[in-house]
Amino acid sequence: MSGPVSHQVRDAQVGPPQAAEITLRHRAAHEAVQAARAGQQSDT
C-alpha cells in the first residue's frame, strides 16, 4: 500500500523532467512484465 504513495512523493521531490523519465521507465518496465506474462501464458 505504501509503494504508490512513496513513489508519488519521490516524483514530487524530483524535478519534472526526471519525474517524467521515472514514469516512462516505470511504464516500460510494467509493459515488459505484461509481455513476459503473456509470453509465458501463450507458451504453456
Protein backbone atom coordinates (compact mmCIF):
# COMPACT_ATOMS: atom_id res chain seq x y z
CA MET A 1 0.00 0.00 0.00
CA SER A 2 2.88 2.40 0.74
CA GLY A 3 4.54 1.74 -2.63
CA PRO A 4 2.46 4.04 -4.89
CA VAL A 5 2.30 6.79 -2.26
CA SER A 6 6.05 6.86 -1.66
CA HIS A 7 6.58 6.78 -5.43
CA GLN A 8 4.39 9.88 -5.86
CA VAL A 9 6.21 11.68 -3.06
CA ARG A 10 9.57 10.88 -4.63
CA ASP A 11 8.36 12.17 -8.02
CA ALA A 12 7.14 15.35 -6.33
CA GLN A 13 10.56 15.93 -4.77
CA VAL A 14 12.38 15.29 -8.05
CA GLY A 15 12.24 17.82 -10.91
CA PRO A 16 9.52 17.46 -13.59
CA PRO A 17 11.89 16.15 -16.33
CA GLN A 18 13.33 13.48 -14.04
CA ALA A 19 9.87 12.56 -12.77
CA ALA A 20 8.69 12.11 -16.36
CA GLU A 21 11.70 9.90 -17.08
CA ILE A 22 10.94 7.81 -14.00
CA THR A 23 7.32 7.45 -15.14
CA LEU A 24 8.42 6.35 -18.62
CA ARG A 25 10.84 3.80 -17.15
CA HIS A 26 8.17 2.50 -14.76
CA ARG A 27 5.66 2.21 -17.61
CA ALA A 28 8.20 0.44 -19.85
CA ALA A 29 9.04 -2.00 -17.04
CA HIS A 30 5.34 -2.64 -16.45
CA GLU A 31 4.78 -3.33 -20.15
CA ALA A 32 7.79 -5.66 -20.17
CA VAL A 33 6.31 -7.61 -17.25
CA GLN A 34 2.95 -7.87 -19.01
CA ALA A 35 4.66 -9.03 -22.21
CA ALA A 36 6.61 -11.64 -20.26
CA ARG A 37 3.43 -12.90 -18.60
CA ALA A 38 1.62 -13.02 -21.93
CA GLY A 39 4.55 -14.95 -23.42
CA GLN A 40 4.50 -17.47 -20.58
CA GLN A 41 0.73 -17.92 -20.91
CA SER A 42 0.98 -18.47 -24.68
CA ASP A 43 3.85 -20.94 -24.29
CA THR A 44 2.02 -23.17 -21.82
